[in-house]
Amino acid sequence: MATTSSDMMSRTRENNTLGALRLPIATGITAAVVFVLCWLGTFIPFSSPTHAYIALITNADISSTLALAEGACWSLLAGALVGAVFAPIYNAPRFSRVAREAVR
């Protein structure tokens, strides 16, 4: 059976929770992509703001492949950690409300 857009919207409003696995994956990948874009920005002569972000994550030379590898890995892990911490905090009020309703 096909799912319509309005069916999906009503289910989203009912659930209104973040996936405990999907969010860490998404934030980890996003952080790694942002780091790669900043690393690519080091090859543009007038893009000095990206240098500070790269230096925040790795001690390697900012335009080296070592900086790219270390920075992408650490960004992926840090982003995943942020998502893993954020999802349960965001979902906590929903679960506490469901638990209160179950007790009634």
PDB file of N, CA and C in Angstrom:
ATOM      1  N   MET A   1       0.833  -1.168   0.000  1.00  0.00           N
ATOM      2  CA  MET A   1       0.000   0.000   0.000  1.00  0.00           C
ATOM      3  C   MET A   1       0.886   1.243   0.000  1.00  0.00           C
ATOM      4  N   ALA A   2       0.572   2.194  -0.824  1.00  0.00           N
ATOM      5  CA  ALA A   2       1.358   3.418  -0.934  1.00  0.00           C
ATOM      6  C   ALA A   2       1.071   4.343   0.240  1.00  0.00           C
ATOM      7  N   THR A   3       2.110   5.028   0.692  1.00  0.00           N
ATOM      8  CA  THR A   3       1.963   5.972   1.791  1.00  0.00           C
ATOM      9  C   THR A   3       1.898   7.377   1.221  1.00  0.00           C
ATOM     10  N   THR A   4       0.904   8.111   1.595  1.00  0.00           N
ATOM     11  CA  THR A   4       0.771   9.480   1.103  1.00  0.00           C
ATOM     12  C   THR A   4       1.560  10.432   1.983  1.00  0.00           C
ATOM     13  N   SER A   5       1.750  11.626   1.472  1.00  0.00           N
ATOM     14  CA  SER A   5       2.494  12.642   2.212  1.00  0.00           C
ATOM     15  C   SER A   5       1.784  13.013   3.510  1.00  0.00           C
ATOM     16  N   SER A   6       0.465  13.109   3.469  1.00  0.00           N
ATOM     17  CA  SER A   6      -0.264  13.475   4.692  1.00  0.00           C
ATOM     18  C   SER A   6      -0.180  12.367   5.746  1.00  0.00           C
ATOM     19  N   ASP A   7      -0.147  11.089   5.304  1.00  0.00           N
ATOM     20  CA  ASP A   7       0.020   9.985   6.260  1.00  0.00           C
ATOM     21  C   ASP A   7       1.366  10.083   6.959  1.00  0.00           C
ATOM     22  N   MET A   8       2.398  10.391   6.179  1.00  0.00           N
ATOM     23  CA  MET A   8       3.738  10.501   6.759  1.00  0.00           C
ATOM     24  C   MET A   8       3.826  11.681   7.721  1.00  0.00           C
ATOM     25  N   MET A   9       3.197  12.795   7.387  1.00  0.00           N
ATOM     26  CA  MET A   9       3.229  13.956   8.262  1.00  0.00           C
ATOM     27  C   MET A   9       2.517  13.668   9.586  1.00  0.00           C
ATOM     28  N   SER A  10       1.397  12.965   9.528  1.00  0.00           N
ATOM     29  CA  SER A  10       0.681  12.672  10.774  1.00  0.00           C
ATOM     30  C   SER A  10       1.487  11.716  11.640  1.00  0.00           C
ATOM     31  N   ARG A  11       2.170  10.746  11.027  1.00  0.00           N
ATOM     32  CA  ARG A  11       3.011   9.841  11.812  1.00  0.00           C
ATOM     33  C   ARG A  11       4.191  10.580  12.415  1.00  0.00           C
ATOM     34  N   THR A  12       4.765  11.524  11.668  1.00  0.00           N
ATOM     35  CA  THR A  12       5.884  12.304  12.182  1.00  0.00           C
ATOM     36  C   THR A  12       5.452  13.124  13.381  1.00  0.00           C
ATOM     37  N   ARG A  13       4.280  13.726  13.317  1.00  0.00           N
ATOM     38  CA  ARG A  13       3.779  14.509  14.443  1.00  0.00           C
ATOM     39  C   ARG A  13       3.502  13.621  15.652  1.00  0.00           C
ATOM     40  N   GLU A  14       3.012  12.410  15.417  1.00  0.00           N
ATOM     41  CA  GLU A  14       2.726  11.496  16.525  1.00  0.00           C
ATOM     42  C   GLU A  14       4.012  11.052  17.202  1.00  0.00           C
ATOM     43  N   ASN A  15       4.992  10.628  16.420  1.00  0.00           N
ATOM     44  CA  ASN A  15       6.240  10.118  16.979  1.00  0.00           C
ATOM     45  C   ASN A  15       7.098  11.248  17.530  1.00  0.00           C
ATOM     46  N   ASN A  16       7.439  12.187  16.684  1.00  0.00           N
ATOM     47  CA  ASN A  16       8.232  13.357  17.042  1.00  0.00           C
ATOM     48  C   ASN A  16       9.455  12.988  17.874  1.00  0.00           C
ATOM     49  N   THR A  17      10.139  11.927  17.479  1.00  0.00           N
ATOM     50  CA  THR A  17      11.360  11.518  18.152  1.00  0.00           C
ATOM     51  C   THR A  17      12.484  11.431  17.124  1.00  0.00           C
ATOM     52  N   LEU A  18      13.692  11.508  17.621  1.00  0.00           N
ATOM     53  CA  LEU A  18      14.862  11.360  16.766  1.00  0.00           C
ATOM     54  C   LEU A  18      15.390   9.944  16.895  1.00  0.00           C
ATOM     55  N   GLY A  19      15.846   9.385  15.787  1.00  0.00           N
ATOM     56  CA  GLY A  19      16.396   8.041  15.806  1.00  0.00           C
ATOM     57  C   GLY A  19      17.715   7.992  16.561  1.00  0.00           C
ATOM     58  N   ALA A  20      17.815   7.101  17.525  1.00  0.00           N
ATOM     59  CA  ALA A  20      19.012   6.998  18.354  1.00  0.00           C
ATOM     60  C   ALA A  20      20.214   6.489  17.564  1.00  0.00           C
ATOM     61  N   LEU A  21      20.000   5.870  16.438  1.00  0.00           N
ATOM     62  CA  LEU A  21      21.097   5.426  15.586  1.00  0.00           C
ATOM     63  C   LEU A  21      21.265   6.332  14.376  1.00  0.00           C
ATOM     64  N   ARG A  22      20.157   6.770  13.811  1.00  0.00           N
ATOM     65  CA  ARG A  22      20.218   7.593  12.605  1.00  0.00           C
ATOM     66  C   ARG A  22      20.842   8.962  12.857  1.00  0.00           C
ATOM     67  N   LEU A  23      20.535   9.586  13.977  1.00  0.00           N
ATOM     68  CA  LEU A  23      21.075  10.915  14.251  1.00  0.00           C
ATOM     69  C   LEU A  23      22.597  10.897  14.428  1.00  0.00           C
ATOM     70  N   PRO A  24      23.186   9.991  15.212  1.00  0.00           N
ATOM     71  CA  PRO A  24      24.648   9.966  15.301  1.00  0.00           C
ATOM     72  C   PRO A  24      25.319   9.710  13.948  1.00  0.00           C
ATOM     73  N   ILE A  25      24.714   8.852  13.130  1.00  0.00           N
ATOM     74  CA  ILE A  25      25.289   8.604  11.810  1.00  0.00           C
ATOM     75  C   ILE A  25      25.236   9.876  10.968  1.00  0.00           C
ATOM     76  N   ALA A  26      24.088  10.537  10.984  1.00  0.00           N
ATOM     77  CA  ALA A  26      23.923  11.750  10.178  1.00  0.00           C
ATOM     78  C   ALA A  26      24.836  12.879  10.653  1.00  0.00           C
ATOM     79  N   THR A  27      24.924  13.099  11.959  1.00  0.00           N
ATOM     80  CA  THR A  27      25.774  14.180  12.455  1.00  0.00           C
ATOM     81  C   THR A  27      27.253  13.863  12.270  1.00  0.00           C
ATOM     82  N   GLY A  28      27.618  12.594  12.389  1.00  0.00           N
ATOM     83  CA  GLY A  28      29.005  12.211  12.143  1.00  0.00           C
ATOM     84  C   GLY A  28      29.419  12.438  10.699  1.00  0.00           C
ATOM     85  N   ILE A  29      28.586  12.018   9.777  1.00  0.00           N
ATOM     86  CA  ILE A  29      28.890  12.209   8.359  1.00  0.00           C
ATOM     87  C   ILE A  29      28.904  13.697   8.020  1.00  0.00           C
ATOM     88  N   THR A  30      27.964  14.444   8.566  1.00  0.00           N
ATOM     89  CA  THR A  30      27.920  15.878   8.303  1.00  0.00           C
ATOM     90  C   THR A  30      29.182  16.569   8.799  1.00  0.00           C
ATOM     91  N   ALA A  31      29.623  16.239   9.992  1.00  0.00           N
ATOM     92  CA  ALA A  31      30.840  16.852  10.536  1.00  0.00           C
ATOM     93  C   ALA A  31      32.060  16.497   9.696  1.00  0.00           C
ATOM     94  N   ALA A  32      32.136  15.256   9.233  1.00  0.00           N
ATOM     95  CA  ALA A  32      33.262  14.857   8.385  1.00  0.00           C
ATOM     96  C   ALA A  32      33.240  15.590   7.044  1.00  0.00           C
ATOM     97  N   VAL A  33      32.062  15.750   6.464  1.00  0.00           N
ATOM     98  CA  VAL A  33      31.945  16.472   5.189  1.00  0.00           C
ATOM     99  C   VAL A  33      32.344  17.939   5.366  1.00  0.00           C
ATOM    100  N   VAL A  34      31.914  18.555   6.461  1.00  0.00           N
ATOM    101  CA  VAL A  34      32.301  19.943   6.727  1.00  0.00           C
ATOM    102  C   VAL A  34      33.810  20.049   6.860  1.00  0.00           C
ATOM    103  N   PHE A  35      34.426  19.094   7.547  1.00  0.00           N
ATOM    104  CA  PHE A  35      35.883  19.123   7.679  1.00  0.00           C
ATOM    105  C   PHE A  35      36.559  18.994   6.320  1.00  0.00           C
ATOM    106  N   VAL A  36      36.091  18.085   5.485  1.00  0.00           N
ATOM    107  CA  VAL A  36      36.685  17.904   4.147  1.00  0.00           C
ATOM    108  C   VAL A  36      36.542  19.189   3.334  1.00  0.00           C
ATOM    109  N   LEU A  37      35.392  19.833   3.408  1.00  0.00           N
ATOM    110  CA  LEU A  37      35.203  21.094   2.685  1.00  0.00           C
ATOM    111  C   LEU A  37      36.163  22.166   3.193  1.00  0.00           C
ATOM    112  N   CYS A  38      36.361  22.231   4.501  1.00  0.00           N
ATOM    113  CA  CYS A  38      37.325  23.187   5.052  1.00  0.00           C
ATOM    114  C   CYS A  38      38.739  22.846   4.621  1.00  0.00           C
ATOM    115  N   TRP A  39      39.075  21.565   4.592  1.00  0.00           N
ATOM    116  CA  TRP A  39      40.403  21.152   4.139  1.00  0.00           C
ATOM    117  C   TRP A  39      40.613  21.542   2.680  1.00  0.00           C
ATOM    118  N   LEU A  40      39.592  21.360   1.860  1.00  0.00           N
ATOM    119  CA  LEU A  40      39.695  21.794   0.464  1.00  0.00           C
ATOM    120  C   LEU A  40      39.863  23.304   0.370  1.00  0.00           C
ATOM    121  N   GLY A  41      39.282  24.029   1.318  1.00  0.00           N
ATOM    122  CA  GLY A  41      39.413  25.480   1.346  1.00  0.00           C
ATOM    123  C   GLY A  41      40.828  25.956   1.611  1.00  0.00           C
ATOM    124  N   THR A  42      41.680  25.100   2.153  1.00  0.00           N
ATOM    125  CA  THR A  42      43.068  25.508   2.401  1.00  0.00           C
ATOM    126  C   THR A  42      43.835  25.721   1.104  1.00  0.00           C
ATOM    127  N   PHE A  43      43.333  25.188   0.010  1.00  0.00           N
ATOM    128  CA  PHE A  43      44.020  25.352  -1.262  1.00  0.00           C
ATOM    129  C   PHE A  43      43.611  26.635  -1.982  1.00  0.00           C
ATOM    130  N   ILE A  44      42.671  27.371  -1.410  1.00  0.00           N
ATOM    131  CA  ILE A  44      42.299  28.680  -1.933  1.00  0.00           C
ATOM    132  C   ILE A  44      43.117  29.710  -1.150  1.00  0.00           C
ATOM    133  N   PRO A  45      43.901  30.523  -1.835  1.00  0.00           N
ATOM    134  CA  PRO A  45      44.858  31.395  -1.129  1.00  0.00           C
ATOM    135  C   PRO A  45      44.233  32.354  -0.110  1.00  0.00           C
ATOM    136  N   PHE A  46      43.038  32.821  -0.326  1.00  0.00           N
ATOM    137  CA  PHE A  46      42.446  33.822   0.566  1.00  0.00           C
ATOM    138  C   PHE A  46      41.457  33.220   1.560  1.00  0.00           C
ATOM    139  N   SER A  47      41.533  31.925   1.838  1.00  0.00           N
ATOM    140  CA  SER A  47      40.561  31.277   2.726  1.00  0.00           C
ATOM    141  C   SER A  47      41.168  30.948   4.081  1.00  0.00           C
ATOM    142  N   SER A  48      41.624  31.930   4.785  1.00  0.00           N
ATOM    143  CA  SER A  48      42.271  31.686   6.073  1.00  0.00           C
ATOM    144  C   SER A  48      41.338  31.198   7.175  1.00  0.00           C
ATOM    145  N   PRO A  49      40.022  31.475   7.177  1.00  0.00           N
ATOM    146  CA  PRO A  49      39.195  30.957   8.273  1.00  0.00           C
ATOM    147  C   PRO A  49      39.192  29.432   8.385  1.00  0.00           C
ATOM    148  N   THR A  50      39.355  28.723   7.292  1.00  0.00           N
ATOM    149  CA  THR A  50      39.345  27.265   7.366  1.00  0.00           C
ATOM    150  C   THR A  50      40.568  26.730   8.090  1.00  0.00           C
ATOM    151  N   HIS A  51      41.654  27.487   8.089  1.00  0.00           N
ATOM    152  CA  HIS A  51      42.874  27.035   8.754  1.00  0.00           C
ATOM    153  C   HIS A  51      42.657  26.868  10.256  1.00  0.00           C
ATOM    154  N   ALA A  52      41.910  27.763  10.862  1.00  0.00           N
ATOM    155  CA  ALA A  52      41.659  27.690  12.304  1.00  0.00           C
ATOM    156  C   ALA A  52      40.822  26.463  12.656  1.00  0.00           C
ATOM    157  N   TYR A  53      39.845  26.147  11.842  1.00  0.00           N
ATOM    158  CA  TYR A  53      39.010  24.974  12.109  1.00  0.00           C
ATOM    159  C   TYR A  53      39.825  23.689  12.010  1.00  0.00           C
ATOM    160  N   ILE A  54      40.674  23.606  11.016  1.00  0.00           N
ATOM    161  CA  ILE A  54      41.509  22.409  10.851  1.00  0.00           C
ATOM    162  C   ILE A  54      42.494  22.291  12.010  1.00  0.00           C
ATOM    163  N   ALA A  55      43.099  23.400  12.405  1.00  0.00           N
ATOM    164  CA  ALA A  55      44.048  23.380  13.520  1.00  0.00           C
ATOM    165  C   ALA A  55      43.367  23.032  14.839  1.00  0.00           C
ATOM    166  N   LEU A  56      42.075  23.270  14.940  1.00  0.00           N
ATOM    167  CA  LEU A  56      41.333  22.911  16.143  1.00  0.00           C
ATOM    168  C   LEU A  56      41.251  21.393  16.312  1.00  0.00           C
ATOM    169  N   ILE A  57      41.262  20.666  15.209  1.00  0.00           N
ATOM    170  CA  ILE A  57      41.037  19.224  15.247  1.00  0.00           C
ATOM    171  C   ILE A  57      42.321  18.407  15.131  1.00  0.00           C
ATOM    172  N   THR A  58      43.312  18.897  14.396  1.00  0.00           N
ATOM    173  CA  THR A  58      44.540  18.128  14.199  1.00  0.00           C
ATOM    174  C   THR A  58      45.760  19.034  14.277  1.00  0.00           C
ATOM    175  N   ASN A  59      46.896  18.451  14.672  1.00  0.00           N
ATOM    176  CA  ASN A  59      48.156  19.186  14.727  1.00  0.00           C
ATOM    177  C   ASN A  59      48.960  19.049  13.444  1.00  0.00           C
ATOM    178  N   ALA A  60      48.494  18.248  12.507  1.00  0.00           N
ATOM    179  CA  ALA A  60      49.212  18.038  11.255  1.00  0.00           C
ATOM    180  C   ALA A  60      49.184  19.314  10.412  1.00  0.00           C
ATOM    181  N   ASP A  61      50.090  19.387   9.457  1.00  0.00           N
ATOM    182  CA  ASP A  61      50.115  20.518   8.524  1.00  0.00           C
ATOM    183  C   ASP A  61      48.736  20.634   7.868  1.00  0.00           C
ATOM    184  N   ILE A  62      48.165  21.834   7.855  1.00  0.00           N
ATOM    185  CA  ILE A  62      46.768  21.999   7.488  1.00  0.00           C
ATOM    186  C   ILE A  62      46.405  21.548   6.085  1.00  0.00           C
ATOM    187  N   SER A  63      47.350  21.537   5.159  1.00  0.00           N
ATOM    188  CA  SER A  63      47.007  21.119   3.801  1.00  0.00           C
ATOM    189  C   SER A  63      47.513  19.714   3.473  1.00  0.00           C
ATOM    190  N   SER A  64      47.952  18.981   4.486  1.00  0.00           N
ATOM    191  CA  SER A  64      48.478  17.635   4.243  1.00  0.00           C
ATOM    192  C   SER A  64      47.359  16.600   4.210  1.00  0.00           C
ATOM    193  N   THR A  65      47.683  15.468   3.591  1.00  0.00           N
ATOM    194  CA  THR A  65      46.697  14.380   3.584  1.00  0.00           C
ATOM    195  C   THR A  65      46.536  13.777   4.976  1.00  0.00           C
ATOM    196  N   LEU A  66      47.573  13.890   5.797  1.00  0.00           N
ATOM    197  CA  LEU A  66      47.457  13.424   7.182  1.00  0.00           C
ATOM    198  C   LEU A  66      46.401  14.250   7.931  1.00  0.00           C
ATOM    199  N   ALA A  67      46.400  15.560   7.705  1.00  0.00           N
ATOM    200  CA  ALA A  67      45.382  16.418   8.320  1.00  0.00           C
ATOM    201  C   ALA A  67      43.995  16.028   7.824  1.00  0.00           C
ATOM    202  N   LEU A  68      43.881  15.714   6.552  1.00  0.00           N
ATOM    203  CA  LEU A  68      42.596  15.293   5.996  1.00  0.00           C
ATOM    204  C   LEU A  68      42.124  14.001   6.653  1.00  0.00           C
ATOM    205  N   ALA A  69      43.009  13.014   6.747  1.00  0.00           N
ATOM    206  CA  ALA A  69      42.633  11.715   7.316  1.00  0.00           C
ATOM    207  C   ALA A  69      42.289  11.839   8.802  1.00  0.00           C
ATOM    208  N   GLU A  70      43.180  12.475   9.564  1.00  0.00           N
ATOM    209  CA  GLU A  70      42.923  12.633  11.001  1.00  0.00           C
ATOM    210  C   GLU A  70      41.674  13.467  11.250  1.00  0.00           C
ATOM    211  N   GLY A  71      41.582  14.572  10.557  1.00  0.00           N
ATOM    212  CA  GLY A  71      40.458  15.487  10.779  1.00  0.00           C
ATOM    213  C   GLY A  71      39.124  14.875  10.401  1.00  0.00           C
ATOM    214  N   ALA A  72      39.084  14.162   9.290  1.00  0.00           N
ATOM    215  CA  ALA A  72      37.828  13.529   8.873  1.00  0.00           C
ATOM    216  C   ALA A  72      37.414  12.456   9.876  1.00  0.00           C
ATOM    217  N   CYS A  73      38.368  11.666  10.347  1.00  0.00           N
ATOM    218  CA  CYS A  73      38.043  10.618  11.328  1.00  0.00           C
ATOM    219  C   CYS A  73      37.581  11.214  12.656  1.00  0.00           C
ATOM    220  N   TRP A  74      38.326  12.204  13.180  1.00  0.00           N
ATOM    221  CA  TRP A  74      37.945  12.811  14.446  1.00  0.00           C
ATOM    222  C   TRP A  74      36.626  13.565  14.331  1.00  0.00           C
ATOM    223  N   SER A  75      36.399  14.211  13.187  1.00  0.00           N
ATOM    224  CA  SER A  75      35.129  14.915  12.986  1.00  0.00           C
ATOM    225  C   SER A  75      33.973  13.930  12.928  1.00  0.00           C
ATOM    226  N   LEU A  76      34.179  12.813  12.254  1.00  0.00           N
ATOM    227  CA  LEU A  76      33.149  11.781  12.185  1.00  0.00           C
ATOM    228  C   LEU A  76      32.808  11.278  13.580  1.00  0.00           C
ATOM    229  N   LEU A  77      33.821  10.983  14.365  1.00  0.00           N
ATOM    230  CA  LEU A  77      33.592  10.482  15.725  1.00  0.00           C
ATOM    231  C   LEU A  77      32.961  11.542  16.633  1.00  0.00           C
ATOM    232  N   ALA A  78      33.446  12.774  16.544  1.00  0.00           N
ATOM    233  CA  ALA A  78      32.881  13.838  17.381  1.00  0.00           C
ATOM    234  C   ALA A  78      31.437  14.126  16.995  1.00  0.00           C
ATOM    235  N   GLY A  79      31.156  14.151  15.696  1.00  0.00           N
ATOM    236  CA  GLY A  79      29.781  14.373  15.256  1.00  0.00           C
ATOM    237  C   GLY A  79      28.854  13.252  15.698  1.00  0.00           C
ATOM    238  N   ALA A  80      29.344  12.021  15.619  1.00  0.00           N
ATOM    239  CA  ALA A  80      28.543  10.882  16.061  1.00  0.00           C
ATOM    240  C   ALA A  80      28.293  10.954  17.569  1.00  0.00           C
ATOM    241  N   LEU A  81      29.301  11.379  18.319  1.00  0.00           N
ATOM    242  CA  LEU A  81      29.138  11.526  19.761  1.00  0.00           C
ATOM    243  C   LEU A  81      28.087  12.587  20.084  1.00  0.00           C
ATOM    244  N   VAL A  82      28.134  13.703  19.381  1.00  0.00           N
ATOM    245  CA  VAL A  82      27.135  14.760  19.598  1.00  0.00           C
ATOM    246  C   VAL A  82      25.733  14.232  19.305  1.00  0.00           C
ATOM    247  N   GLY A  83      25.581  13.510  18.201  1.00  0.00           N
ATOM    248  CA  GLY A  83      24.275  12.943  17.864  1.00  0.00           C
ATOM    249  C   GLY A  83      23.812  11.911  18.871  1.00  0.00           C
ATOM    250  N   ALA A  84      24.745  11.098  19.359  1.00  0.00           N
ATOM    251  CA  ALA A  84      24.397  10.057  20.332  1.00  0.00           C
ATOM    252  C   ALA A  84      23.992  10.659  21.675  1.00  0.00           C
ATOM    253  N   VAL A  85      24.553  11.797  22.015  1.00  0.00           N
ATOM    254  CA  VAL A  85      24.174  12.465  23.261  1.00  0.00           C
ATOM    255  C   VAL A  85      22.884  13.257  23.076  1.00  0.00           C
ATOM    256  N   PHE A  86      22.730  13.892  21.919  1.00  0.00           N
ATOM    257  CA  PHE A  86      21.577  14.757  21.682  1.00  0.00           C
ATOM    258  C   PHE A  86      20.270  13.983  21.538  1.00  0.00           C
ATOM    259  N   ALA A  87      20.276  12.860  20.839  1.00  0.00           N
ATOM    260  CA  ALA A  87      19.034  12.118  20.568  1.00  0.00           C
ATOM    261  C   ALA A  87      18.288  11.712  21.844  1.00  0.00           C
ATOM    262  N   PRO A  88      18.945  11.094  22.826  1.00  0.00           N
ATOM    263  CA  PRO A  88      18.194  10.730  24.038  1.00  0.00           C
ATOM    264  C   PRO A  88      17.719  11.940  24.836  1.00  0.00           C
ATOM    265  N   ILE A  89      18.493  13.018  24.810  1.00  0.00           N
ATOM    266  CA  ILE A  89      18.065  14.228  25.518  1.00  0.00           C
ATOM    267  C   ILE A  89      16.820  14.799  24.851  1.00  0.00           C
ATOM    268  N   TYR A  90      16.822  14.840  23.540  1.00  0.00           N
ATOM    269  CA  TYR A  90      15.660  15.345  22.803  1.00  0.00           C
ATOM    270  C   TYR A  90      14.445  14.450  23.006  1.00  0.00           C
ATOM    271  N   ASN A  91      14.674  13.147  23.026  1.00  0.00           N
ATOM    272  CA  ASN A  91      13.569  12.192  23.142  1.00  0.00           C
ATOM    273  C   ASN A  91      13.069  12.007  24.573  1.00  0.00           C
ATOM    274  N   ALA A  92      13.803  12.443  25.567  1.00  0.00           N
ATOM    275  CA  ALA A  92      13.447  12.199  26.966  1.00  0.00           C
ATOM    276  C   ALA A  92      12.068  12.722  27.359  1.00  0.00           C
ATOM    277  N   PRO A  93      11.686  13.937  27.005  1.00  0.00           N
ATOM    278  CA  PRO A  93      10.338  14.383  27.405  1.00  0.00           C
ATOM    279  C   PRO A  93       9.229  13.516  26.805  1.00  0.00           C
ATOM    280  N   ARG A  94       9.404  13.038  25.619  1.00  0.00           N
ATOM    281  CA  ARG A  94       8.402  12.179  24.972  1.00  0.00           C
ATOM    282  C   ARG A  94       8.250  10.885  25.763  1.00  0.00           C
ATOM    283  N   PHE A  95       9.381  10.272  26.104  1.00  0.00           N
ATOM    284  CA  PHE A  95       9.312   9.001  26.818  1.00  0.00           C
ATOM    285  C   PHE A  95       8.769   9.180  28.236  1.00  0.00           C
ATOM    286  N   SER A  96       9.090  10.279  28.874  1.00  0.00           N
ATOM    287  CA  SER A  96       8.553  10.493  30.217  1.00  0.00           C
ATOM    288  C   SER A  96       7.047  10.737  30.157  1.00  0.00           C
ATOM    289  N   ARG A  97       6.568  11.422  29.118  1.00  0.00           N
ATOM    290  CA  ARG A  97       5.122  11.645  28.954  1.00  0.00           C
ATOM    291  C   ARG A  97       4.416  10.328  28.677  1.00  0.00           C
ATOM    292  N   VAL A  98       5.005   9.482  27.838  1.00  0.00           N
ATOM    293  CA  VAL A  98       4.414   8.173  27.536  1.00  0.00           C
ATOM    294  C   VAL A  98       4.372   7.321  28.801  1.00  0.00           C
ATOM    295  N   ALA A  99       5.421   7.375  29.605  1.00  0.00           N
ATOM    296  CA  ALA A  99       5.461   6.595  30.848  1.00  0.00           C
ATOM    297  C   ALA A  99       4.399   7.093  31.824  1.00  0.00           C
ATOM    298  N   ARG A 100       4.215   8.405  31.921  1.00  0.00           N
ATOM    299  CA  ARG A 100       3.167   8.940  32.825  1.00  0.00           C
ATOM    300  C   ARG A 100       1.789   8.516  32.367  1.00  0.00           C
ATOM    301  N   GLU A 101       1.553   8.504  31.058  1.00  0.00           N
ATOM    302  CA  GLU A 101       0.248   8.103  30.533  1.00  0.00           C
ATOM    303  C   GLU A 101       0.005   6.614  30.734  1.00  0.00           C
ATOM    304  N   ALA A 102       1.050   5.809  30.697  1.00  0.00           N
ATOM    305  CA  ALA A 102       0.904   4.372  30.893  1.00  0.00           C
ATOM    306  C   ALA A 102       0.546   4.031  32.328  1.00  0.00           C
ATOM    307  N   VAL A 103       1.003   4.847  33.270  1.00  0.00           N
ATOM    308  CA  VAL A 103       0.739   4.602  34.685  1.00  0.00           C
ATOM    309  C   VAL A 103      -0.713   4.933  35.028  1.00  0.00           C
ATOM    310  N   ARG A 104      -1.280   5.884  34.338  1.00  0.00           N
ATOM    311  CA  ARG A 104      -2.671   6.297  34.636  1.00  0.00           C
ATOM    312  C   ARG A 104      -3.650   5.237  34.386  1.00  0.00           C
TER     313      ARG A 104
END
